[in-house]
Amino acid sequence: MKTIHYISLSVVMSCYLGLNAQCLLQIDTVSYSYFNEITGYVTIIDNYKIINNSNDDYLTWVSLVPKNDKSNIELMHDFFKKRRGDFNFIEMINENLMNEQPISIGYSFIKNILAGETFSYFIAKHNSSSTFYQDRIVIIKKKDIEQYLNMKIKNKYFFPFTSIFITEKI
């Protein structure tokens, strides 16, 4: 009877550990710094590496304002439907205005992190306590966004590279 108990416990633990062995979406952060003799400033580089261990695609972008505990619905509305000047993101897609514009952080930069892939934000800053960009990086499941928008976003609108380098103001 003890043997059956140990076998059952082993099976349950292996299943439990298998499910909890890794997060579905993991963010690794590494920081390093250097002194730039030309500018006279210490520069700190934060690498936010997003690892998608799930079977779902995720979209990431940089919000114009800090996330501040906003819901996913609010974050999606702010990026895709909120007007910035004459247009919002969805109108720019529908009017084919995105084809002629360079990618703009906060306005049109959006990256699709496919299942099993990674994406890195390299953030250059001069103050080690700054969380300017860290507070603005949004990551939401692609299927949730497309369901909210009631449309599929074509691959041509996604940032094509595996990392992006962004810089804070001095």
C-alpha atoms as a PDB file:
ATOM      1  CA  MET A   1       0.000   0.000   0.000  1.00  0.00           C
ATOM      2  CA  LYS A   2       2.889   2.342   0.783  1.00  0.00           C
ATOM      3  CA  THR A   3       4.341   1.688  -2.679  1.00  0.00           C
ATOM      4  CA  ILE A   4       1.092   2.734  -4.394  1.00  0.00           C
ATOM      5  CA  HIS A   5       1.007   5.855  -2.212  1.00  0.00           C
ATOM      6  CA  TYR A   6       4.584   6.814  -3.206  1.00  0.00           C
ATOM      7  CA  ILE A   7       3.896   6.139  -6.896  1.00  0.00           C
ATOM      8  CA  SER A   8       0.742   8.279  -6.770  1.00  0.00           C
ATOM      9  CA  LEU A   9       2.595  11.045  -4.957  1.00  0.00           C
ATOM     10  CA  SER A  10       5.433  10.911  -7.504  1.00  0.00           C
ATOM     11  CA  VAL A  11       3.028  11.175 -10.443  1.00  0.00           C
ATOM     12  CA  VAL A  12       1.151  14.098  -8.872  1.00  0.00           C
ATOM     13  CA  MET A  13       4.383  15.934  -7.984  1.00  0.00           C
ATOM     14  CA  SER A  14       5.893  15.444 -11.435  1.00  0.00           C
ATOM     15  CA  CYS A  15       2.743  16.840 -13.045  1.00  0.00           C
ATOM     16  CA  TYR A  16       2.684  19.749 -10.611  1.00  0.00           C
ATOM     17  CA  LEU A  17       6.369  20.522 -11.077  1.00  0.00           C
ATOM     18  CA  GLY A  18       6.022  20.202 -14.846  1.00  0.00           C
ATOM     19  CA  LEU A  19       3.272  22.802 -14.888  1.00  0.00           C
ATOM     20  CA  ASN A  20       5.159  25.173 -12.622  1.00  0.00           C
ATOM     21  CA  ALA A  21       8.669  24.617 -13.973  1.00  0.00           C
ATOM     22  CA  GLN A  22       8.593  27.776 -16.054  1.00  0.00           C
ATOM     23  CA  CYS A  23       6.356  30.782 -16.423  1.00  0.00           C
ATOM     24  CA  LEU A  24       4.408  31.098 -19.651  1.00  0.00           C
ATOM     25  CA  LEU A  25       5.721  34.639 -20.095  1.00  0.00           C
ATOM     26  CA  GLN A  26       9.009  35.472 -18.434  1.00  0.00           C
ATOM     27  CA  ILE A  27      10.858  38.788 -18.245  1.00  0.00           C
ATOM     28  CA  ASP A  28      14.579  38.716 -17.506  1.00  0.00           C
ATOM     29  CA  THR A  29      16.210  42.020 -16.603  1.00  0.00           C
ATOM     30  CA  VAL A  30      19.919  42.718 -16.810  1.00  0.00           C
ATOM     31  CA  SER A  31      21.529  46.115 -16.242  1.00  0.00           C
ATOM     32  CA  TYR A  32      25.032  47.310 -16.934  1.00  0.00           C
ATOM     33  CA  SER A  33      26.669  50.723 -17.106  1.00  0.00           C
ATOM     34  CA  TYR A  34      29.623  52.537 -18.617  1.00  0.00           C
ATOM     35  CA  PHE A  35      31.126  56.023 -18.541  1.00  0.00           C
ATOM     36  CA  ASN A  36      31.122  57.811 -21.895  1.00  0.00           C
ATOM     37  CA  GLU A  37      34.193  60.095 -22.042  1.00  0.00           C
ATOM     38  CA  ILE A  38      32.800  61.962 -25.042  1.00  0.00           C
ATOM     39  CA  THR A  39      29.480  62.993 -23.466  1.00  0.00           C
ATOM     40  CA  GLY A  40      30.722  63.011 -19.869  1.00  0.00           C
ATOM     41  CA  TYR A  41      27.763  60.894 -18.675  1.00  0.00           C
ATOM     42  CA  VAL A  42      27.386  57.490 -17.151  1.00  0.00           C
ATOM     43  CA  THR A  43      25.023  55.467 -19.299  1.00  0.00           C
ATOM     44  CA  ILE A  44      23.022  52.582 -17.883  1.00  0.00           C
ATOM     45  CA  ILE A  45      21.673  49.954 -20.260  1.00  0.00           C
ATOM     46  CA  ASP A  46      18.697  47.910 -19.048  1.00  0.00           C
ATOM     47  CA  ASN A  47      17.886  44.807 -21.070  1.00  0.00           C
ATOM     48  CA  TYR A  48      14.273  43.675 -20.625  1.00  0.00           C
ATOM     49  CA  LYS A  49      14.174  40.278 -22.319  1.00  0.00           C
ATOM     50  CA  ILE A  50      10.646  38.930 -22.798  1.00  0.00           C
ATOM     51  CA  ILE A  51      10.580  35.146 -23.206  1.00  0.00           C
ATOM     52  CA  ASN A  52       7.353  33.667 -24.535  1.00  0.00           C
ATOM     53  CA  ASN A  53       7.181  30.070 -23.242  1.00  0.00           C
ATOM     54  CA  SER A  54       3.461  29.778 -24.006  1.00  0.00           C
ATOM     55  CA  ASN A  55       1.558  28.514 -27.031  1.00  0.00           C
ATOM     56  CA  ASP A  56       0.038  31.984 -27.578  1.00  0.00           C
ATOM     57  CA  ASP A  57       1.439  35.023 -29.368  1.00  0.00           C
ATOM     58  CA  TYR A  58       1.838  38.227 -27.348  1.00  0.00           C
ATOM     59  CA  LEU A  59       1.933  41.816 -28.544  1.00  0.00           C
ATOM     60  CA  THR A  60       4.112  44.413 -26.874  1.00  0.00           C
ATOM     61  CA  TRP A  61       4.409  48.166 -27.271  1.00  0.00           C
ATOM     62  CA  VAL A  62       5.462  51.251 -25.344  1.00  0.00           C
ATOM     63  CA  SER A  63       2.613  53.331 -23.958  1.00  0.00           C
ATOM     64  CA  LEU A  64       2.759  57.128 -24.100  1.00  0.00           C
ATOM     65  CA  VAL A  65       1.844  57.295 -20.402  1.00  0.00           C
ATOM     66  CA  PRO A  66       2.701  54.985 -17.480  1.00  0.00           C
ATOM     67  CA  LYS A  67       0.477  51.903 -17.111  1.00  0.00           C
ATOM     68  CA  ASN A  68      -0.451  52.767 -13.482  1.00  0.00           C
ATOM     69  CA  ASP A  69      -2.519  49.626 -12.810  1.00  0.00           C
ATOM     70  CA  LYS A  70      -4.682  50.172 -15.897  1.00  0.00           C
ATOM     71  CA  SER A  71      -6.660  47.169 -17.098  1.00  0.00           C
ATOM     72  CA  ASN A  72      -5.801  45.468 -20.382  1.00  0.00           C
ATOM     73  CA  ILE A  73      -8.955  46.990 -21.910  1.00  0.00           C
ATOM     74  CA  GLU A  74      -7.800  50.499 -20.963  1.00  0.00           C
ATOM     75  CA  LEU A  75      -4.274  49.839 -22.282  1.00  0.00           C
ATOM     76  CA  MET A  76      -5.624  48.473 -25.580  1.00  0.00           C
ATOM     77  CA  HIS A  77      -8.038  51.402 -25.937  1.00  0.00           C
ATOM     78  CA  ASP A  78      -5.274  53.942 -25.262  1.00  0.00           C
ATOM     79  CA  PHE A  79      -2.957  52.462 -27.887  1.00  0.00           C
ATOM     80  CA  PHE A  80      -5.325  51.390 -30.644  1.00  0.00           C
ATOM     81  CA  LYS A  81      -8.398  53.638 -30.388  1.00  0.00           C
ATOM     82  CA  LYS A  82      -7.355  56.851 -28.629  1.00  0.00           C
ATOM     83  CA  ARG A  83      -6.815  59.724 -31.039  1.00  0.00           C
ATOM     84  CA  ARG A  84      -3.381  61.245 -31.448  1.00  0.00           C
ATOM     85  CA  GLY A  85      -3.811  64.243 -33.652  1.00  0.00           C
ATOM     86  CA  ASP A  86      -6.060  63.419 -36.608  1.00  0.00           C
ATOM     87  CA  PHE A  87      -5.925  59.613 -36.365  1.00  0.00           C
ATOM     88  CA  ASN A  88      -5.748  56.644 -34.053  1.00  0.00           C
ATOM     89  CA  PHE A  89      -3.783  53.445 -34.731  1.00  0.00           C
ATOM     90  CA  ILE A  90      -6.734  51.545 -36.221  1.00  0.00           C
ATOM     91  CA  GLU A  91      -7.639  54.425 -38.563  1.00  0.00           C
ATOM     92  CA  MET A  92      -4.006  54.646 -39.690  1.00  0.00           C
ATOM     93  CA  ILE A  93      -4.126  50.940 -40.613  1.00  0.00           C
ATOM     94  CA  ASN A  94      -7.494  51.229 -42.364  1.00  0.00           C
ATOM     95  CA  GLU A  95      -6.406  54.318 -44.336  1.00  0.00           C
ATOM     96  CA  ASN A  96      -3.065  52.662 -45.306  1.00  0.00           C
ATOM     97  CA  LEU A  97      -1.136  55.477 -43.623  1.00  0.00           C
ATOM     98  CA  MET A  98       1.128  53.046 -41.759  1.00  0.00           C
ATOM     99  CA  ASN A  99       2.831  51.973 -44.994  1.00  0.00           C
ATOM    100  CA  GLU A 100       4.456  55.358 -45.502  1.00  0.00           C
ATOM    101  CA  GLN A 101       5.391  56.227 -41.914  1.00  0.00           C
ATOM    102  CA  PRO A 102       8.502  55.172 -39.997  1.00  0.00           C
ATOM    103  CA  ILE A 103       7.913  53.253 -36.764  1.00  0.00           C
ATOM    104  CA  SER A 104       7.303  55.665 -33.910  1.00  0.00           C
ATOM    105  CA  ILE A 105       7.686  54.625 -30.247  1.00  0.00           C
ATOM    106  CA  GLY A 106       4.426  55.318 -28.408  1.00  0.00           C
ATOM    107  CA  TYR A 107       2.407  55.684 -31.615  1.00  0.00           C
ATOM    108  CA  SER A 108       2.999  52.884 -34.111  1.00  0.00           C
ATOM    109  CA  PHE A 109       5.656  50.562 -32.659  1.00  0.00           C
ATOM    110  CA  ILE A 110       4.139  47.153 -31.980  1.00  0.00           C
ATOM    111  CA  LYS A 111       5.915  43.807 -31.802  1.00  0.00           C
ATOM    112  CA  ASN A 112       4.403  40.331 -32.109  1.00  0.00           C
ATOM    113  CA  ILE A 113       6.286  37.886 -29.871  1.00  0.00           C
ATOM    114  CA  LEU A 114       5.503  34.501 -31.352  1.00  0.00           C
ATOM    115  CA  ALA A 115       5.090  31.404 -29.185  1.00  0.00           C
ATOM    116  CA  GLY A 116       8.533  30.128 -28.180  1.00  0.00           C
ATOM    117  CA  GLU A 117      10.362  33.325 -29.193  1.00  0.00           C
ATOM    118  CA  THR A 118      11.979  36.211 -27.326  1.00  0.00           C
ATOM    119  CA  PHE A 119      12.095  39.981 -27.688  1.00  0.00           C
ATOM    120  CA  SER A 120      14.377  42.470 -25.928  1.00  0.00           C
ATOM    121  CA  TYR A 121      14.010  46.119 -25.077  1.00  0.00           C
ATOM    122  CA  PHE A 122      17.435  47.739 -24.581  1.00  0.00           C
ATOM    123  CA  ILE A 123      16.861  50.957 -22.655  1.00  0.00           C
ATOM    124  CA  ALA A 124      19.626  53.537 -22.303  1.00  0.00           C
ATOM    125  CA  LYS A 125      19.253  55.896 -19.361  1.00  0.00           C
ATOM    126  CA  HIS A 126      21.409  58.179 -17.218  1.00  0.00           C
ATOM    127  CA  ASN A 127      19.686  57.787 -13.851  1.00  0.00           C
ATOM    128  CA  SER A 128      19.727  54.318 -12.277  1.00  0.00           C
ATOM    129  CA  SER A 129      16.460  54.944 -10.415  1.00  0.00           C
ATOM    130  CA  SER A 130      14.527  55.937 -13.551  1.00  0.00           C
ATOM    131  CA  THR A 131      11.633  53.666 -14.519  1.00  0.00           C
ATOM    132  CA  PHE A 132      10.389  55.875 -17.346  1.00  0.00           C
ATOM    133  CA  TYR A 133      10.176  53.121 -19.984  1.00  0.00           C
ATOM    134  CA  GLN A 134       9.791  50.229 -17.558  1.00  0.00           C
ATOM    135  CA  ASP A 135       6.455  51.733 -16.453  1.00  0.00           C
ATOM    136  CA  ARG A 136       5.275  51.990 -20.076  1.00  0.00           C
ATOM    137  CA  ILE A 137       6.031  48.558 -21.560  1.00  0.00           C
ATOM    138  CA  VAL A 138       2.777  46.716 -22.274  1.00  0.00           C
ATOM    139  CA  ILE A 139       2.470  42.978 -23.010  1.00  0.00           C
ATOM    140  CA  ILE A 140      -0.927  41.443 -23.834  1.00  0.00           C
ATOM    141  CA  LYS A 141      -2.013  38.255 -25.615  1.00  0.00           C
ATOM    142  CA  LYS A 142      -2.493  38.845 -29.320  1.00  0.00           C
ATOM    143  CA  LYS A 143      -5.789  36.926 -29.433  1.00  0.00           C
ATOM    144  CA  ASP A 144      -7.221  39.150 -26.652  1.00  0.00           C
ATOM    145  CA  ILE A 145      -6.284  42.275 -28.596  1.00  0.00           C
ATOM    146  CA  GLU A 146      -7.692  41.006 -31.882  1.00  0.00           C
ATOM    147  CA  GLN A 147     -10.884  39.980 -30.105  1.00  0.00           C
ATOM    148  CA  TYR A 148     -11.145  43.454 -28.514  1.00  0.00           C
ATOM    149  CA  LEU A 149     -10.547  45.150 -31.879  1.00  0.00           C
ATOM    150  CA  ASN A 150     -12.720  42.654 -33.750  1.00  0.00           C
ATOM    151  CA  MET A 151     -10.041  42.386 -36.440  1.00  0.00           C
ATOM    152  CA  LYS A 152      -6.815  40.580 -37.282  1.00  0.00           C
ATOM    153  CA  ILE A 153      -3.666  42.713 -37.348  1.00  0.00           C
ATOM    154  CA  LYS A 154      -1.544  41.946 -40.408  1.00  0.00           C
ATOM    155  CA  ASN A 155       2.103  40.964 -39.921  1.00  0.00           C
ATOM    156  CA  LYS A 156       3.303  43.942 -41.971  1.00  0.00           C
ATOM    157  CA  TYR A 157       2.416  46.250 -39.063  1.00  0.00           C
ATOM    158  CA  PHE A 158       4.676  44.436 -36.580  1.00  0.00           C
ATOM    159  CA  PHE A 159       8.253  45.437 -35.796  1.00  0.00           C
ATOM    160  CA  PRO A 160      10.400  42.847 -37.614  1.00  0.00           C
ATOM    161  CA  PHE A 161      13.480  42.595 -35.375  1.00  0.00           C
ATOM    162  CA  THR A 162      14.163  40.628 -32.175  1.00  0.00           C
ATOM    163  CA  SER A 163      15.163  43.691 -30.156  1.00  0.00           C
ATOM    164  CA  ILE A 164      14.868  47.465 -30.059  1.00  0.00           C
ATOM    165  CA  PHE A 165      17.120  50.099 -28.512  1.00  0.00           C
ATOM    166  CA  ILE A 166      15.402  53.107 -26.934  1.00  0.00           C
ATOM    167  CA  THR A 167      16.947  56.061 -25.116  1.00  0.00           C
ATOM    168  CA  GLU A 168      15.685  58.280 -22.299  1.00  0.00           C
ATOM    169  CA  LYS A 169      16.252  62.023 -22.417  1.00  0.00           C
ATOM    170  CA  ILE A 170      19.303  63.409 -20.666  1.00  0.00           C
END
